[in-house]
Amino acid sequence: DSVKGRFRISHRGTTLYLTMNDLKPEDSAKYYCAAAQECTFAD
């Protein structure tokens, strides 16, 4: 919810993207990409 309308996740080929628009100071952080072979929708 904190980034809804500003950030968008997408995937093409073997690359995952995070498109970030209208960035705010509170968005400052270290960003990590992650993947899971076993994952549920709720988690």
Full PDB file with SEQRES, HELIX, SHEET, SSBOND, CRYST1, ORIGX, SCALE, CONECT and MASTER records, all heavy atoms in Angstrom:
SEQRES   1 A   43  ASP SER VAL LYS GLY ARG PHE ARG ILE SER HIS ARG GLY          
SEQRES   2 A   43  THR THR LEU TYR LEU THR MET ASN ASP LEU LYS PRO GLU          
SEQRES   3 A   43  ASP SER ALA LYS TYR TYR CYS ALA ALA ALA GLN GLU CYS          
SEQRES   4 A   43  THR PHE ALA ASP                                              
HELIX    1 AA1 PRO A   25  ASP A   27  5                                   3    
SHEET    1 AA1 2 PHE A   7  ARG A  12  0                                        
SHEET    2 AA1 2 THR A  15  MET A  20 -1                                        
CRYST1    1.000    1.000    1.000  90.00  90.00  90.00 P 1           1          
ORIGX1      1.000000  0.000000  0.000000        0.00000                         
ORIGX2      0.000000  1.000000  0.000000        0.00000                         
ORIGX3      0.000000  0.000000  1.000000        0.00000                         
SCALE1      1.000000  0.000000  0.000000        0.00000                         
SCALE2      0.000000  1.000000  0.000000        0.00000                         
SCALE3      0.000000  0.000000  1.000000        0.00000                         
ATOM      1  N   ASP A   1       0.814  -1.214   0.000  1.00  0.00           N  
ATOM      2  CA  ASP A   1       0.000   0.000   0.000  1.00  0.00           C  
ATOM      3  C   ASP A   1       0.849   1.265   0.000  1.00  0.00           C  
ATOM      4  O   ASP A   1       0.459   2.282  -0.586  1.00  0.00           O  
ATOM      5  CB  ASP A   1      -0.932   0.011   1.216  1.00  0.00           C  
ATOM      6  CG  ASP A   1      -2.054  -1.002   1.106  1.00  0.00           C  
ATOM      7  OD1 ASP A   1      -2.348  -1.459  -0.014  1.00  0.00           O  
ATOM      8  OD2 ASP A   1      -2.649  -1.330   2.151  1.00  0.00           O  
ATOM      9  N   SER A   2       2.004   1.208   0.636  1.00  0.00           N  
ATOM     10  CA  SER A   2       2.853   2.375   0.751  1.00  0.00           C  
ATOM     11  C   SER A   2       3.416   2.850  -0.587  1.00  0.00           C  
ATOM     12  O   SER A   2       3.835   4.003  -0.713  1.00  0.00           O  
ATOM     13  CB  SER A   2       4.002   2.108   1.726  1.00  0.00           C  
ATOM     14  OG  SER A   2       4.785   1.010   1.291  1.00  0.00           O  
ATOM     15  N   VAL A   3       3.434   1.961  -1.577  1.00  0.00           N  
ATOM     16  CA  VAL A   3       3.997   2.320  -2.876  1.00  0.00           C  
ATOM     17  C   VAL A   3       3.003   2.154  -4.013  1.00  0.00           C  
ATOM     18  O   VAL A   3       3.353   2.377  -5.184  1.00  0.00           O  
ATOM     19  CB  VAL A   3       5.273   1.499  -3.178  1.00  0.00           C  
ATOM     20  CG1 VAL A   3       6.318   1.705  -2.091  1.00  0.00           C  
ATOM     21  CG2 VAL A   3       4.933   0.020  -3.327  1.00  0.00           C  
ATOM     22  N   LYS A   4       1.782   1.789  -3.688  1.00  0.00           N  
ATOM     23  CA  LYS A   4       0.767   1.565  -4.711  1.00  0.00           C  
ATOM     24  C   LYS A   4       0.523   2.836  -5.518  1.00  0.00           C  
ATOM     25  O   LYS A   4       0.386   3.917  -4.971  1.00  0.00           O  
ATOM     26  CB  LYS A   4      -0.532   1.088  -4.070  1.00  0.00           C  
ATOM     27  CG  LYS A   4      -1.533   0.520  -5.063  1.00  0.00           C  
ATOM     28  CD  LYS A   4      -2.702  -0.135  -4.352  1.00  0.00           C  
ATOM     29  CE  LYS A   4      -3.634  -0.820  -5.326  1.00  0.00           C  
ATOM     30  NZ  LYS A   4      -4.746  -1.503  -4.629  1.00  0.00           N  
ATOM     31  N   GLY A   5       0.483   2.666  -6.830  1.00  0.00           N  
ATOM     32  CA  GLY A   5       0.304   3.798  -7.717  1.00  0.00           C  
ATOM     33  C   GLY A   5       1.601   4.456  -8.128  1.00  0.00           C  
ATOM     34  O   GLY A   5       1.610   5.260  -9.067  1.00  0.00           O  
ATOM     35  N   ARG A   6       2.688   4.121  -7.448  1.00  0.00           N  
ATOM     36  CA  ARG A   6       3.990   4.698  -7.757  1.00  0.00           C  
ATOM     37  C   ARG A   6       4.998   3.662  -8.236  1.00  0.00           C  
ATOM     38  O   ARG A   6       5.821   3.955  -9.096  1.00  0.00           O  
ATOM     39  CB  ARG A   6       4.555   5.426  -6.536  1.00  0.00           C  
ATOM     40  CG  ARG A   6       3.678   6.568  -6.042  1.00  0.00           C  
ATOM     41  CD  ARG A   6       4.367   7.362  -4.945  1.00  0.00           C  
ATOM     42  NE  ARG A   6       4.607   6.560  -3.750  1.00  0.00           N  
ATOM     43  CZ  ARG A   6       5.820   6.274  -3.269  1.00  0.00           C  
ATOM     44  NH1 ARG A   6       6.909   6.728  -3.880  1.00  0.00           N  
ATOM     45  NH2 ARG A   6       5.950   5.548  -2.167  1.00  0.00           N  
ATOM     46  N   PHE A   7       4.934   2.462  -7.680  1.00  0.00           N  
ATOM     47  CA  PHE A   7       5.861   1.395  -8.037  1.00  0.00           C  
ATOM     48  C   PHE A   7       5.146   0.329  -8.845  1.00  0.00           C  
ATOM     49  O   PHE A   7       3.963   0.072  -8.656  1.00  0.00           O  
ATOM     50  CB  PHE A   7       6.442   0.729  -6.789  1.00  0.00           C  
ATOM     51  CG  PHE A   7       7.400   1.571  -5.993  1.00  0.00           C  
ATOM     52  CD1 PHE A   7       7.515   2.938  -6.198  1.00  0.00           C  
ATOM     53  CD2 PHE A   7       8.191   0.976  -5.023  1.00  0.00           C  
ATOM     54  CE1 PHE A   7       8.393   3.707  -5.457  1.00  0.00           C  
ATOM     55  CE2 PHE A   7       9.075   1.731  -4.274  1.00  0.00           C  
ATOM     56  CZ  PHE A   7       9.178   3.091  -4.484  1.00  0.00           C  
ATOM     57  N   ARG A   8       5.907  -0.328  -9.710  1.00  0.00           N  
ATOM     58  CA  ARG A   8       5.359  -1.419 -10.492  1.00  0.00           C  
ATOM     59  C   ARG A   8       6.409  -2.505 -10.665  1.00  0.00           C  
ATOM     60  O   ARG A   8       7.559  -2.217 -10.996  1.00  0.00           O  
ATOM     61  CB  ARG A   8       4.880  -0.927 -11.861  1.00  0.00           C  
ATOM     62  CG  ARG A   8       4.194  -1.997 -12.690  1.00  0.00           C  
ATOM     63  CD  ARG A   8       3.619  -1.434 -13.983  1.00  0.00           C  
ATOM     64  NE  ARG A   8       4.652  -1.083 -14.942  1.00  0.00           N  
ATOM     65  CZ  ARG A   8       5.009   0.146 -15.249  1.00  0.00           C  
ATOM     66  NH1 ARG A   8       4.393   1.180 -14.676  1.00  0.00           N  
ATOM     67  NH2 ARG A   8       5.956   0.373 -16.137  1.00  0.00           N  
ATOM     68  N   ILE A   9       6.001  -3.741 -10.434  1.00  0.00           N  
ATOM     69  CA  ILE A   9       6.898  -4.872 -10.614  1.00  0.00           C  
ATOM     70  C   ILE A   9       6.594  -5.528 -11.953  1.00  0.00           C  
ATOM     71  O   ILE A   9       5.435  -5.634 -12.358  1.00  0.00           O  
ATOM     72  CB  ILE A   9       6.763  -5.885  -9.452  1.00  0.00           C  
ATOM     73  CG1 ILE A   9       7.807  -6.991  -9.566  1.00  0.00           C  
ATOM     74  CG2 ILE A   9       5.348  -6.458  -9.375  1.00  0.00           C  
ATOM     75  CD1 ILE A   9       7.869  -7.893  -8.332  1.00  0.00           C  
ATOM     76  N   SER A  10       7.633  -5.941 -12.646  1.00  0.00           N  
ATOM     77  CA  SER A  10       7.457  -6.594 -13.934  1.00  0.00           C  
ATOM     78  C   SER A  10       8.579  -7.593 -14.152  1.00  0.00           C  
ATOM     79  O   SER A  10       9.592  -7.589 -13.446  1.00  0.00           O  
ATOM     80  CB  SER A  10       7.405  -5.568 -15.072  1.00  0.00           C  
ATOM     81  OG  SER A  10       8.597  -4.811 -15.140  1.00  0.00           O  
ATOM     82  N   HIS A  11       8.389  -8.441 -15.135  1.00  0.00           N  
ATOM     83  CA  HIS A  11       9.359  -9.486 -15.416  1.00  0.00           C  
ATOM     84  C   HIS A  11       9.475  -9.698 -16.917  1.00  0.00           C  
ATOM     85  O   HIS A  11       8.469  -9.741 -17.635  1.00  0.00           O  
ATOM     86  CB  HIS A  11       8.934 -10.792 -14.731  1.00  0.00           C  
ATOM     87  CG  HIS A  11       9.917 -11.915 -14.872  1.00  0.00           C  
ATOM     88  ND1 HIS A  11       9.950 -12.741 -15.972  1.00  0.00           N  
ATOM     89  CD2 HIS A  11      10.897 -12.354 -14.044  1.00  0.00           C  
ATOM     90  CE1 HIS A  11      10.905 -13.632 -15.825  1.00  0.00           C  
ATOM     91  NE2 HIS A  11      11.496 -13.421 -14.659  1.00  0.00           N  
ATOM     92  N   ARG A  12      10.691  -9.815 -17.380  1.00  0.00           N  
ATOM     93  CA  ARG A  12      10.937 -10.122 -18.776  1.00  0.00           C  
ATOM     94  C   ARG A  12      12.203 -10.948 -18.893  1.00  0.00           C  
ATOM     95  O   ARG A  12      13.257 -10.578 -18.353  1.00  0.00           O  
ATOM     96  CB  ARG A  12      11.053  -8.851 -19.621  1.00  0.00           C  
ATOM     97  CG  ARG A  12      11.107  -9.141 -21.124  1.00  0.00           C  
ATOM     98  CD  ARG A  12      10.925  -7.889 -21.938  1.00  0.00           C  
ATOM     99  NE  ARG A  12      12.069  -6.999 -21.833  1.00  0.00           N  
ATOM    100  CZ  ARG A  12      12.150  -5.823 -22.430  1.00  0.00           C  
ATOM    101  NH1 ARG A  12      11.134  -5.385 -23.158  1.00  0.00           N  
ATOM    102  NH2 ARG A  12      13.221  -5.075 -22.278  1.00  0.00           N  
ATOM    103  N   GLY A  13      12.077 -12.073 -19.575  1.00  0.00           N  
ATOM    104  CA  GLY A  13      13.203 -12.976 -19.689  1.00  0.00           C  
ATOM    105  C   GLY A  13      13.588 -13.519 -18.324  1.00  0.00           C  
ATOM    106  O   GLY A  13      12.759 -14.092 -17.615  1.00  0.00           O  
ATOM    107  N   THR A  14      14.820 -13.316 -17.935  1.00  0.00           N  
ATOM    108  CA  THR A  14      15.280 -13.746 -16.619  1.00  0.00           C  
ATOM    109  C   THR A  14      15.566 -12.564 -15.707  1.00  0.00           C  
ATOM    110  O   THR A  14      16.304 -12.693 -14.729  1.00  0.00           O  
ATOM    111  CB  THR A  14      16.541 -14.622 -16.739  1.00  0.00           C  
ATOM    112  OG1 THR A  14      17.569 -13.905 -17.437  1.00  0.00           O  
ATOM    113  CG2 THR A  14      16.231 -15.912 -17.494  1.00  0.00           C  
ATOM    114  N   THR A  15      14.964 -11.421 -16.025  1.00  0.00           N  
ATOM    115  CA  THR A  15      15.188 -10.216 -15.244  1.00  0.00           C  
ATOM    116  C   THR A  15      13.889  -9.729 -14.613  1.00  0.00           C  
ATOM    117  O   THR A  15      12.870  -9.606 -15.288  1.00  0.00           O  
ATOM    118  CB  THR A  15      15.790  -9.099 -16.111  1.00  0.00           C  
ATOM    119  OG1 THR A  15      17.006  -9.556 -16.705  1.00  0.00           O  
ATOM    120  CG2 THR A  15      16.094  -7.873 -15.269  1.00  0.00           C  
ATOM    121  N   LEU A  16      13.954  -9.463 -13.330  1.00  0.00           N  
ATOM    122  CA  LEU A  16      12.842  -8.883 -12.594  1.00  0.00           C  
ATOM    123  C   LEU A  16      13.098  -7.389 -12.428  1.00  0.00           C  
ATOM    124  O   LEU A  16      14.216  -6.984 -12.106  1.00  0.00           O  
ATOM    125  CB  LEU A  16      12.709  -9.551 -11.225  1.00  0.00           C  
ATOM    126  CG  LEU A  16      11.533  -9.136 -10.346  1.00  0.00           C  
ATOM    127  CD1 LEU A  16      10.230  -9.684 -10.914  1.00  0.00           C  
ATOM    128  CD2 LEU A  16      11.744  -9.634  -8.919  1.00  0.00           C  
ATOM    129  N   TYR A  17      12.067  -6.591 -12.629  1.00  0.00           N  
ATOM    130  CA  TYR A  17      12.209  -5.144 -12.557  1.00  0.00           C  
ATOM    131  C   TYR A  17      11.308  -4.542 -11.486  1.00  0.00           C  
ATOM    132  O   TYR A  17      10.233  -5.059 -11.188  1.00  0.00           O  
ATOM    133  CB  TYR A  17      11.847  -4.495 -13.898  1.00  0.00           C  
ATOM    134  CG  TYR A  17      12.702  -4.927 -15.053  1.00  0.00           C  
ATOM    135  CD1 TYR A  17      12.312  -5.975 -15.874  1.00  0.00           C  
ATOM    136  CD2 TYR A  17      13.901  -4.279 -15.335  1.00  0.00           C  
ATOM    137  CE1 TYR A  17      13.093  -6.373 -16.948  1.00  0.00           C  
ATOM    138  CE2 TYR A  17      14.685  -4.669 -16.406  1.00  0.00           C  
ATOM    139  CZ  TYR A  17      14.272  -5.714 -17.209  1.00  0.00           C  
ATOM    140  OH  TYR A  17      15.053  -6.104 -18.271  1.00  0.00           O  
ATOM    141  N   LEU A  18      11.761  -3.451 -10.925  1.00  0.00           N  
ATOM    142  CA  LEU A  18      10.930  -2.624 -10.066  1.00  0.00           C  
ATOM    143  C   LEU A  18      11.017  -1.205 -10.592  1.00  0.00           C  
ATOM    144  O   LEU A  18      12.062  -0.559 -10.481  1.00  0.00           O  
ATOM    145  CB  LEU A  18      11.386  -2.685  -8.606  1.00  0.00           C  
ATOM    146  CG  LEU A  18      10.527  -1.885  -7.628  1.00  0.00           C  
ATOM    147  CD1 LEU A  18       9.139  -2.507  -7.509  1.00  0.00           C  
ATOM    148  CD2 LEU A  18      11.194  -1.793  -6.258  1.00  0.00           C  
ATOM    149  N   THR A  19       9.927  -0.742 -11.172  1.00  0.00           N  
ATOM    150  CA  THR A  19       9.864   0.615 -11.692  1.00  0.00           C  
ATOM    151  C   THR A  19       9.299   1.517 -10.611  1.00  0.00           C  
ATOM    152  O   THR A  19       8.195   1.288 -10.122  1.00  0.00           O  
ATOM    153  CB  THR A  19       8.981   0.677 -12.947  1.00  0.00           C  
ATOM    154  OG1 THR A  19       9.497  -0.211 -13.943  1.00  0.00           O  
ATOM    155  CG2 THR A  19       8.957   2.081 -13.511  1.00  0.00           C  
ATOM    156  N   MET A  20      10.058   2.522 -10.236  1.00  0.00           N  
ATOM    157  CA  MET A  20       9.690   3.398  -9.139  1.00  0.00           C  
ATOM    158  C   MET A  20       9.527   4.818  -9.656  1.00  0.00           C  
ATOM    159  O   MET A  20      10.466   5.392 -10.203  1.00  0.00           O  
ATOM    160  CB  MET A  20      10.749   3.358  -8.035  1.00  0.00           C  
ATOM    161  CG  MET A  20      11.045   1.956  -7.520  1.00  0.00           C  
ATOM    162  SD  MET A  20      12.245   1.952  -6.161  1.00  0.00           S  
ATOM    163  CE  MET A  20      13.726   2.471  -7.040  1.00  0.00           C  
ATOM    164  N   ASN A  21       8.348   5.356  -9.481  1.00  0.00           N  
ATOM    165  CA  ASN A  21       8.044   6.718  -9.889  1.00  0.00           C  
ATOM    166  C   ASN A  21       7.625   7.548  -8.685  1.00  0.00           C  
ATOM    167  O   ASN A  21       7.208   7.015  -7.659  1.00  0.00           O  
ATOM    168  CB  ASN A  21       6.927   6.732 -10.932  1.00  0.00           C  
ATOM    169  CG  ASN A  21       7.295   6.039 -12.216  1.00  0.00           C  
ATOM    170  OD1 ASN A  21       8.361   6.293 -12.779  1.00  0.00           O  
ATOM    171  ND2 ASN A  21       6.417   5.169 -12.699  1.00  0.00           N  
ATOM    172  N   ASP A  22       7.712   8.855  -8.830  1.00  0.00           N  
ATOM    173  CA  ASP A  22       7.318   9.785  -7.774  1.00  0.00           C  
ATOM    174  C   ASP A  22       7.948   9.393  -6.436  1.00  0.00           C  
ATOM    175  O   ASP A  22       7.267   9.266  -5.416  1.00  0.00           O  
ATOM    176  CB  ASP A  22       5.788   9.827  -7.662  1.00  0.00           C  
ATOM    177  CG  ASP A  22       5.299  10.968  -6.796  1.00  0.00           C  
ATOM    178  OD1 ASP A  22       6.023  11.980  -6.657  1.00  0.00           O  
ATOM    179  OD2 ASP A  22       4.180  10.858  -6.253  1.00  0.00           O  
ATOM    180  N   LEU A  23       9.237   9.226  -6.446  1.00  0.00           N  
ATOM    181  CA  LEU A  23       9.946   8.777  -5.252  1.00  0.00           C  
ATOM    182  C   LEU A  23       9.893   9.818  -4.142  1.00  0.00           C  
ATOM    183  O   LEU A  23       9.911  11.028  -4.392  1.00  0.00           O  
ATOM    184  CB  LEU A  23      11.396   8.449  -5.595  1.00  0.00           C  
ATOM    185  CG  LEU A  23      11.576   7.120  -6.327  1.00  0.00           C  
ATOM    186  CD1 LEU A  23      12.917   7.069  -7.035  1.00  0.00           C  
ATOM    187  CD2 LEU A  23      11.441   5.956  -5.342  1.00  0.00           C  
ATOM    188  N   LYS A  24       9.822   9.320  -2.923  1.00  0.00           N  
ATOM    189  CA  LYS A  24       9.747  10.146  -1.738  1.00  0.00           C  
ATOM    190  C   LYS A  24      10.904   9.805  -0.799  1.00  0.00           C  
ATOM    191  O   LYS A  24      11.445   8.706  -0.853  1.00  0.00           O  
ATOM    192  CB  LYS A  24       8.415   9.917  -1.018  1.00  0.00           C  
ATOM    193  CG  LYS A  24       7.187  10.157  -1.887  1.00  0.00           C  
ATOM    194  CD  LYS A  24       5.912   9.783  -1.149  1.00  0.00           C  
ATOM    195  CE  LYS A  24       4.692  10.007  -2.015  1.00  0.00           C  
ATOM    196  NZ  LYS A  24       3.438   9.641  -1.305  1.00  0.00           N  
ATOM    197  N   PRO A  25      11.270  10.732   0.079  1.00  0.00           N  
ATOM    198  CA  PRO A  25      12.365  10.449   1.018  1.00  0.00           C  
ATOM    199  C   PRO A  25      12.144   9.169   1.830  1.00  0.00           C  
ATOM    200  O   PRO A  25      13.114   8.461   2.122  1.00  0.00           O  
ATOM    201  CB  PRO A  25      12.373  11.682   1.923  1.00  0.00           C  
ATOM    202  CG  PRO A  25      11.883  12.777   1.039  1.00  0.00           C  
ATOM    203  CD  PRO A  25      10.828  12.131   0.178  1.00  0.00           C  
ATOM    204  N   GLU A  26      10.911   8.863   2.172  1.00  0.00           N  
ATOM    205  CA  GLU A  26      10.635   7.659   2.941  1.00  0.00           C  
ATOM    206  C   GLU A  26      10.857   6.374   2.158  1.00  0.00           C  
ATOM    207  O   GLU A  26      10.829   5.283   2.731  1.00  0.00           O  
ATOM    208  CB  GLU A  26       9.202   7.685   3.507  1.00  0.00           C  
ATOM    209  CG  GLU A  26       8.132   7.928   2.456  1.00  0.00           C  
ATOM    210  CD  GLU A  26       7.684   9.375   2.399  1.00  0.00           C  
ATOM    211  OE1 GLU A  26       8.550  10.265   2.478  1.00  0.00           O  
ATOM    212  OE2 GLU A  26       6.460   9.616   2.288  1.00  0.00           O  
ATOM    213  N   ASP A  27      11.072   6.493   0.856  1.00  0.00           N  
ATOM    214  CA  ASP A  27      11.408   5.332   0.042  1.00  0.00           C  
ATOM    215  C   ASP A  27      12.879   4.966   0.144  1.00  0.00           C  
ATOM    216  O   ASP A  27      13.292   3.914  -0.350  1.00  0.00           O  
ATOM    217  CB  ASP A  27      11.060   5.577  -1.428  1.00  0.00           C  
ATOM    218  CG  ASP A  27       9.566   5.740  -1.662  1.00  0.00           C  
ATOM    219  OD1 ASP A  27       8.779   4.993  -1.051  1.00  0.00           O  
ATOM    220  OD2 ASP A  27       9.197   6.615  -2.475  1.00  0.00           O  
ATOM    221  N   SER A  28      13.671   5.829   0.751  1.00  0.00           N  
ATOM    222  CA  SER A  28      15.099   5.569   0.887  1.00  0.00           C  
ATOM    223  C   SER A  28      15.336   4.299   1.691  1.00  0.00           C  
ATOM    224  O   SER A  28      14.838   4.155   2.812  1.00  0.00           O  
ATOM    225  CB  SER A  28      15.802   6.743   1.563  1.00  0.00           C  
ATOM    226  OG  SER A  28      15.707   7.907   0.777  1.00  0.00           O  
ATOM    227  N   ALA A  29      16.070   3.376   1.115  1.00  0.00           N  
ATOM    228  CA  ALA A  29      16.339   2.091   1.748  1.00  0.00           C  
ATOM    229  C   ALA A  29      17.251   1.284   0.843  1.00  0.00           C  
ATOM    230  O   ALA A  29      17.528   1.666  -0.292  1.00  0.00           O  
ATOM    231  CB  ALA A  29      15.038   1.319   1.989  1.00  0.00           C  
ATOM    232  N   LYS A  30      17.711   0.172   1.368  1.00  0.00           N  
ATOM    233  CA  LYS A  30      18.411  -0.780   0.535  1.00  0.00           C  
ATOM    234  C   LYS A  30      17.383  -1.774  -0.002  1.00  0.00           C  
ATOM    235  O   LYS A  30      16.647  -2.383   0.767  1.00  0.00           O  
ATOM    236  CB  LYS A  30      19.502  -1.512   1.316  1.00  0.00           C  
ATOM    237  CG  LYS A  30      20.470  -2.277   0.428  1.00  0.00           C  
ATOM    238  CD  LYS A  30      21.694  -2.739   1.205  1.00  0.00           C  
ATOM    239  CE  LYS A  30      22.729  -3.350   0.291  1.00  0.00           C  
ATOM    240  NZ  LYS A  30      23.946  -3.776   1.030  1.00  0.00           N  
ATOM    241  N   TYR A  31      17.334  -1.896  -1.298  1.00  0.00           N  
ATOM    242  CA  TYR A  31      16.334  -2.734  -1.948  1.00  0.00           C  
ATOM    243  C   TYR A  31      16.929  -4.074  -2.347  1.00  0.00           C  
ATOM    244  O   TYR A  31      18.019  -4.145  -2.917  1.00  0.00           O  
ATOM    245  CB  TYR A  31      15.771  -2.029  -3.178  1.00  0.00           C  
ATOM    246  CG  TYR A  31      14.788  -0.931  -2.837  1.00  0.00           C  
ATOM    247  CD1 TYR A  31      15.224   0.267  -2.276  1.00  0.00           C  
ATOM    248  CD2 TYR A  31      13.426  -1.099  -3.063  1.00  0.00           C  
ATOM    249  CE1 TYR A  31      14.326   1.262  -1.944  1.00  0.00           C  
ATOM    250  CE2 TYR A  31      12.520  -0.107  -2.742  1.00  0.00           C  
ATOM    251  CZ  TYR A  31      12.976   1.071  -2.182  1.00  0.00           C  
ATOM    252  OH  TYR A  31      12.078   2.069  -1.860  1.00  0.00           O  
ATOM    253  N   TYR A  32      16.182  -5.132  -2.053  1.00  0.00           N  
ATOM    254  CA  TYR A  32      16.627  -6.489  -2.324  1.00  0.00           C  
ATOM    255  C   TYR A  32      15.667  -7.206  -3.260  1.00  0.00           C  
ATOM    256  O   TYR A  32      14.451  -7.103  -3.124  1.00  0.00           O  
ATOM    257  CB  TYR A  32      16.728  -7.302  -1.033  1.00  0.00           C  
ATOM    258  CG  TYR A  32      17.790  -6.825  -0.075  1.00  0.00           C  
ATOM    259  CD1 TYR A  32      17.530  -5.811   0.837  1.00  0.00           C  
ATOM    260  CD2 TYR A  32      19.052  -7.403  -0.078  1.00  0.00           C  
ATOM    261  CE1 TYR A  32      18.497  -5.378   1.718  1.00  0.00           C  
ATOM    262  CE2 TYR A  32      20.024  -6.979   0.802  1.00  0.00           C  
ATOM    263  CZ  TYR A  32      19.741  -5.964   1.703  1.00  0.00           C  
ATOM    264  OH  TYR A  32      20.714  -5.544   2.578  1.00  0.00           O  
ATOM    265  N   CYS A  33      16.230  -7.932  -4.173  1.00  0.00           N  
ATOM    266  CA  CYS A  33      15.483  -8.847  -5.009  1.00  0.00           C  
ATOM    267  C   CYS A  33      15.469 -10.210  -4.332  1.00  0.00           C  
ATOM    268  O   CYS A  33      16.455 -10.620  -3.715  1.00  0.00           O  
ATOM    269  CB  CYS A  33      16.142  -8.937  -6.386  1.00  0.00           C  
ATOM    270  SG  CYS A  33      15.471 -10.201  -7.478  1.00  0.00           S  
ATOM    271  N   ALA A  34      14.347 -10.901  -4.419  1.00  0.00           N  
ATOM    272  CA  ALA A  34      14.233 -12.207  -3.790  1.00  0.00           C  
ATOM    273  C   ALA A  34      13.381 -13.141  -4.630  1.00  0.00           C  
ATOM    274  O   ALA A  34      12.536 -12.705  -5.410  1.00  0.00           O  
ATOM    275  CB  ALA A  34      13.638 -12.083  -2.384  1.00  0.00           C  
ATOM    276  N   ALA A  35      13.601 -14.439  -4.443  1.00  0.00           N  
ATOM    277  CA  ALA A  35      12.828 -15.448  -5.157  1.00  0.00           C  
ATOM    278  C   ALA A  35      12.630 -16.658  -4.269  1.00  0.00           C  
ATOM    279  O   ALA A  35      13.429 -16.931  -3.373  1.00  0.00           O  
ATOM    280  CB  ALA A  35      13.535 -15.845  -6.451  1.00  0.00           C  
ATOM    281  N   ALA A  36      11.555 -17.381  -4.526  1.00  0.00           N  
ATOM    282  CA  ALA A  36      11.242 -18.570  -3.746  1.00  0.00           C  
ATOM    283  C   ALA A  36      10.638 -19.635  -4.640  1.00  0.00           C  
ATOM    284  O   ALA A  36       9.728 -19.345  -5.426  1.00  0.00           O  
ATOM    285  CB  ALA A  36      10.281 -18.236  -2.608  1.00  0.00           C  
ATOM    286  N   GLN A  37      11.125 -20.842  -4.516  1.00  0.00           N  
ATOM    287  CA  GLN A  37      10.566 -21.959  -5.264  1.00  0.00           C  
ATOM    288  C   GLN A  37       9.313 -22.492  -4.591  1.00  0.00           C  
ATOM    289  O   GLN A  37       8.460 -23.084  -5.243  1.00  0.00           O  
ATOM    290  CB  GLN A  37      11.606 -23.072  -5.418  1.00  0.00           C  
ATOM    291  CG  GLN A  37      12.764 -22.692  -6.323  1.00  0.00           C  
ATOM    292  CD  GLN A  37      13.822 -23.761  -6.388  1.00  0.00           C  
ATOM    293  OE1 GLN A  37      14.356 -24.173  -5.362  1.00  0.00           O  
ATOM    294  NE2 GLN A  37      14.123 -24.203  -7.595  1.00  0.00           N  
ATOM    295  N   GLU A  38       9.217 -22.299  -3.292  1.00  0.00           N  
ATOM    296  CA  GLU A  38       8.048 -22.714  -2.534  1.00  0.00           C  
ATOM    297  C   GLU A  38       7.504 -21.496  -1.800  1.00  0.00           C  
ATOM    298  O   GLU A  38       8.125 -20.983  -0.873  1.00  0.00           O  
ATOM    299  CB  GLU A  38       8.407 -23.828  -1.554  1.00  0.00           C  
ATOM    300  CG  GLU A  38       7.219 -24.401  -0.805  1.00  0.00           C  
ATOM    301  CD  GLU A  38       7.602 -25.610   0.023  1.00  0.00           C  
ATOM    302  OE1 GLU A  38       8.052 -26.606  -0.576  1.00  0.00           O  
ATOM    303  OE2 GLU A  38       7.459 -25.553   1.258  1.00  0.00           O  
ATOM    304  N   CYS A  39       6.342 -21.038  -2.218  1.00  0.00           N  
ATOM    305  CA  CYS A  39       5.770 -19.812  -1.682  1.00  0.00           C  
ATOM    306  C   CYS A  39       4.264 -19.859  -1.875  1.00  0.00           C  
ATOM    307  O   CYS A  39       3.774 -20.360  -2.885  1.00  0.00           O  
ATOM    308  CB  CYS A  39       6.368 -18.601  -2.402  1.00  0.00           C  
ATOM    309  SG  CYS A  39       5.684 -16.997  -1.946  1.00  0.00           S  
ATOM    310  N   THR A  40       3.533 -19.335  -0.911  1.00  0.00           N  
ATOM    311  CA  THR A  40       2.086 -19.269  -1.011  1.00  0.00           C  
ATOM    312  C   THR A  40       1.648 -17.855  -1.353  1.00  0.00           C  
ATOM    313  O   THR A  40       2.375 -16.884  -1.137  1.00  0.00           O  
ATOM    314  CB  THR A  40       1.400 -19.704   0.288  1.00  0.00           C  
ATOM    315  OG1 THR A  40       1.699 -18.761   1.325  1.00  0.00           O  
ATOM    316  CG2 THR A  40       1.875 -21.088   0.715  1.00  0.00           C  
ATOM    317  N   PHE A  41       0.451 -17.743  -1.864  1.00  0.00           N  
ATOM    318  CA  PHE A  41      -0.099 -16.442  -2.208  1.00  0.00           C  
ATOM    319  C   PHE A  41      -0.174 -15.538  -0.975  1.00  0.00           C  
ATOM    320  O   PHE A  41       0.151 -14.354  -1.043  1.00  0.00           O  
ATOM    321  CB  PHE A  41      -1.486 -16.607  -2.823  1.00  0.00           C  
ATOM    322  CG  PHE A  41      -2.152 -15.314  -3.198  1.00  0.00           C  
ATOM    323  CD1 PHE A  41      -1.790 -14.661  -4.364  1.00  0.00           C  
ATOM    324  CD2 PHE A  41      -3.135 -14.755  -2.400  1.00  0.00           C  
ATOM    325  CE1 PHE A  41      -2.406 -13.470  -4.728  1.00  0.00           C  
ATOM    326  CE2 PHE A  41      -3.755 -13.567  -2.752  1.00  0.00           C  
ATOM    327  CZ  PHE A  41      -3.383 -12.928  -3.918  1.00  0.00           C  
ATOM    328  N   ALA A  42      -0.591 -16.097   0.155  1.00  0.00           N  
ATOM    329  CA  ALA A  42      -0.749 -15.309   1.363  1.00  0.00           C  
ATOM    330  C   ALA A  42       0.581 -14.770   1.880  1.00  0.00           C  
ATOM    331  O   ALA A  42       0.620 -13.711   2.512  1.00  0.00           O  
ATOM    332  CB  ALA A  42      -1.430 -16.138   2.443  1.00  0.00           C  
ATOM    333  N   ASP A  43       1.673 -15.485   1.617  1.00  0.00           N  
ATOM    334  CA  ASP A  43       2.983 -15.100   2.134  1.00  0.00           C  
ATOM    335  C   ASP A  43       3.861 -14.418   1.097  1.00  0.00           C  
ATOM    336  O   ASP A  43       5.071 -14.270   1.308  1.00  0.00           O  
ATOM    337  CB  ASP A  43       3.713 -16.330   2.675  1.00  0.00           C  
ATOM    338  CG  ASP A  43       3.031 -16.941   3.873  1.00  0.00           C  
ATOM    339  OD1 ASP A  43       2.326 -16.210   4.589  1.00  0.00           O  
ATOM    340  OD2 ASP A  43       3.201 -18.160   4.091  1.00  0.00           O  
TER     341      ASP A  43                                                      
MASTER        0    0    0    1    2    0    0    6  340    1    0    4          
END                                                                             
